[in-house]
């Protein structure tokens, strides 16, 4: 009910309107400052997290690269074995039919 009364009083009295607007802006400013402080803290925490885990991320990337190279070597070895088997089969067939 006091909000309704304050609103009616504010409509009819410029000084009350100015004072209430000043209070609203002060509260809004305080909230914005609080949000700004929280954002700054989050940014600092994120930067620290990234610094702490940068070495681990580098190790993971290196391990991943090593695993990819190992997989490629495995595929090349398997392909060479298959090609060698096919060639030896062809040679055996050629010798058998000559």
Protein backbone atom coordinates (compact mmCIF):
# COMPACT_ATOMS: atom_id res chain seq x y z
CA UNK A 1 0.00 0.00 0.00
CA UNK A 2 2.90 2.36 0.75
CA UNK A 3 4.18 1.84 -2.81
CA UNK A 4 0.83 2.98 -4.13
CA UNK A 5 0.88 5.98 -1.83
CA UNK A 6 4.51 6.70 -2.75
CA UNK A 7 3.68 6.43 -6.42
CA UNK A 8 0.72 8.83 -6.12
CA UNK A 9 2.80 11.25 -4.04
CA UNK A 10 5.65 10.99 -6.53
CA UNK A 11 3.30 11.88 -9.39
CA UNK A 12 2.10 15.00 -7.65
CA UNK A 13 5.34 16.19 -6.03
CA UNK A 14 8.48 16.84 -8.07
CA UNK A 15 10.78 16.85 -5.04
CA UNK A 16 9.55 13.41 -3.97
CA UNK A 17 10.03 12.16 -7.54
CA UNK A 18 13.58 13.51 -7.65
CA UNK A 19 14.45 11.95 -4.27
CA UNK A 20 12.96 8.57 -5.19
CA UNK A 21 14.73 8.64 -8.57
CA UNK A 22 18.01 9.42 -6.79
CA UNK A 23 17.46 6.42 -4.50
CA UNK A 24 16.60 4.17 -7.44
CA UNK A 25 19.72 5.20 -9.34
CA UNK A 26 21.86 4.71 -6.23
CA UNK A 27 20.51 1.18 -5.80
CA UNK A 28 20.96 0.48 -9.50
CA UNK A 29 24.52 1.80 -9.39
CA UNK A 30 25.29 -0.39 -6.38
CA UNK A 31 23.94 -3.45 -8.18
CA UNK A 32 25.97 -2.68 -11.30
CA UNK A 33 29.13 -2.27 -9.20
CA UNK A 34 28.44 -5.61 -7.49
CA UNK A 35 27.98 -7.33 -10.83
CA UNK A 36 31.15 -5.67 -12.13
CA UNK A 37 33.12 -6.92 -9.13
CA UNK A 38 31.76 -10.44 -9.59
CA UNK A 39 32.67 -10.41 -13.28
CA UNK A 40 36.20 -9.24 -12.48
CA UNK A 41 36.55 -12.06 -9.94
CA UNK A 42 35.30 -14.62 -12.46
CA UNK A 43 37.72 -13.37 -15.11
CA UNK A 44 40.62 -13.62 -12.66
CA UNK A 45 39.57 -17.14 -11.63
CA UNK A 46 39.29 -18.21 -15.26
CA UNK A 47 42.76 -16.85 -16.05
CA UNK A 48 44.22 -18.71 -13.06
CA UNK A 49 42.45 -21.91 -14.10
CA UNK A 50 43.85 -21.63 -17.61
CA UNK A 51 47.37 -21.05 -16.27
CA UNK A 52 47.11 -24.02 -13.90
CA UNK A 53 45.87 -26.39 -16.57
CA UNK A 54 47.88 -25.16 -19.57
CA UNK A 55 50.67 -27.67 -18.91
CA UNK A 56 48.18 -30.53 -18.61
CA UNK A 57 46.51 -29.50 -21.87
CA UNK A 58 49.90 -29.44 -23.61
CA UNK A 59 50.66 -32.95 -22.35
CA UNK A 60 47.29 -34.20 -23.55
CA UNK A 61 47.89 -32.70 -27.00
CA UNK A 62 51.34 -34.32 -27.19
CA UNK A 63 49.93 -37.71 -26.14
CA UNK A 64 47.16 -37.38 -28.71
CA UNK A 65 49.68 -36.58 -31.45
CA UNK A 66 51.80 -39.60 -30.43
CA UNK A 67 48.71 -41.85 -30.51
CA UNK A 68 47.78 -40.60 -33.98
CA UNK A 69 51.31 -41.32 -35.23
CA UNK A 70 51.15 -44.80 -33.70
CA UNK A 71 47.84 -45.45 -35.42
CA UNK A 72 49.24 -44.32 -38.76
CA UNK A 73 52.23 -46.62 -38.33
CA UNK A 74 49.87 -49.49 -37.53
CA UNK A 75 47.84 -48.88 -40.70
CA UNK A 76 50.98 -48.64 -42.84
CA UNK A 77 52.31 -51.89 -41.33
CA UNK A 78 48.99 -53.66 -41.90
CA UNK A 79 48.82 -52.44 -45.50
CA UNK A 80 52.43 -53.53 -46.13
CA UNK A 81 51.65 -56.99 -44.71
CA UNK A 82 48.59 -57.38 -46.93
CA UNK A 83 50.45 -56.20 -50.03
CA UNK A 84 53.36 -58.53 -49.20
CA UNK A 85 50.95 -61.44 -48.78
CA UNK A 86 49.25 -60.71 -52.08
CA UNK A 87 52.57 -60.41 -53.91
CA UNK A 88 53.85 -63.68 -52.46
CA UNK A 89 50.60 -65.39 -53.47
CA UNK A 90 50.97 -64.06 -57.02
CA UNK A 91 54.58 -65.26 -57.16
CA UNK A 92 53.57 -68.73 -55.93
CA UNK A 93 50.81 -68.91 -58.53
CA UNK A 94 53.15 -67.79 -61.32
CA UNK A 95 55.77 -70.35 -60.34
CA UNK A 96 53.15 -73.12 -60.06
CA UNK A 97 51.74 -72.46 -63.54
CA UNK A 98 55.07 -72.13 -65.33
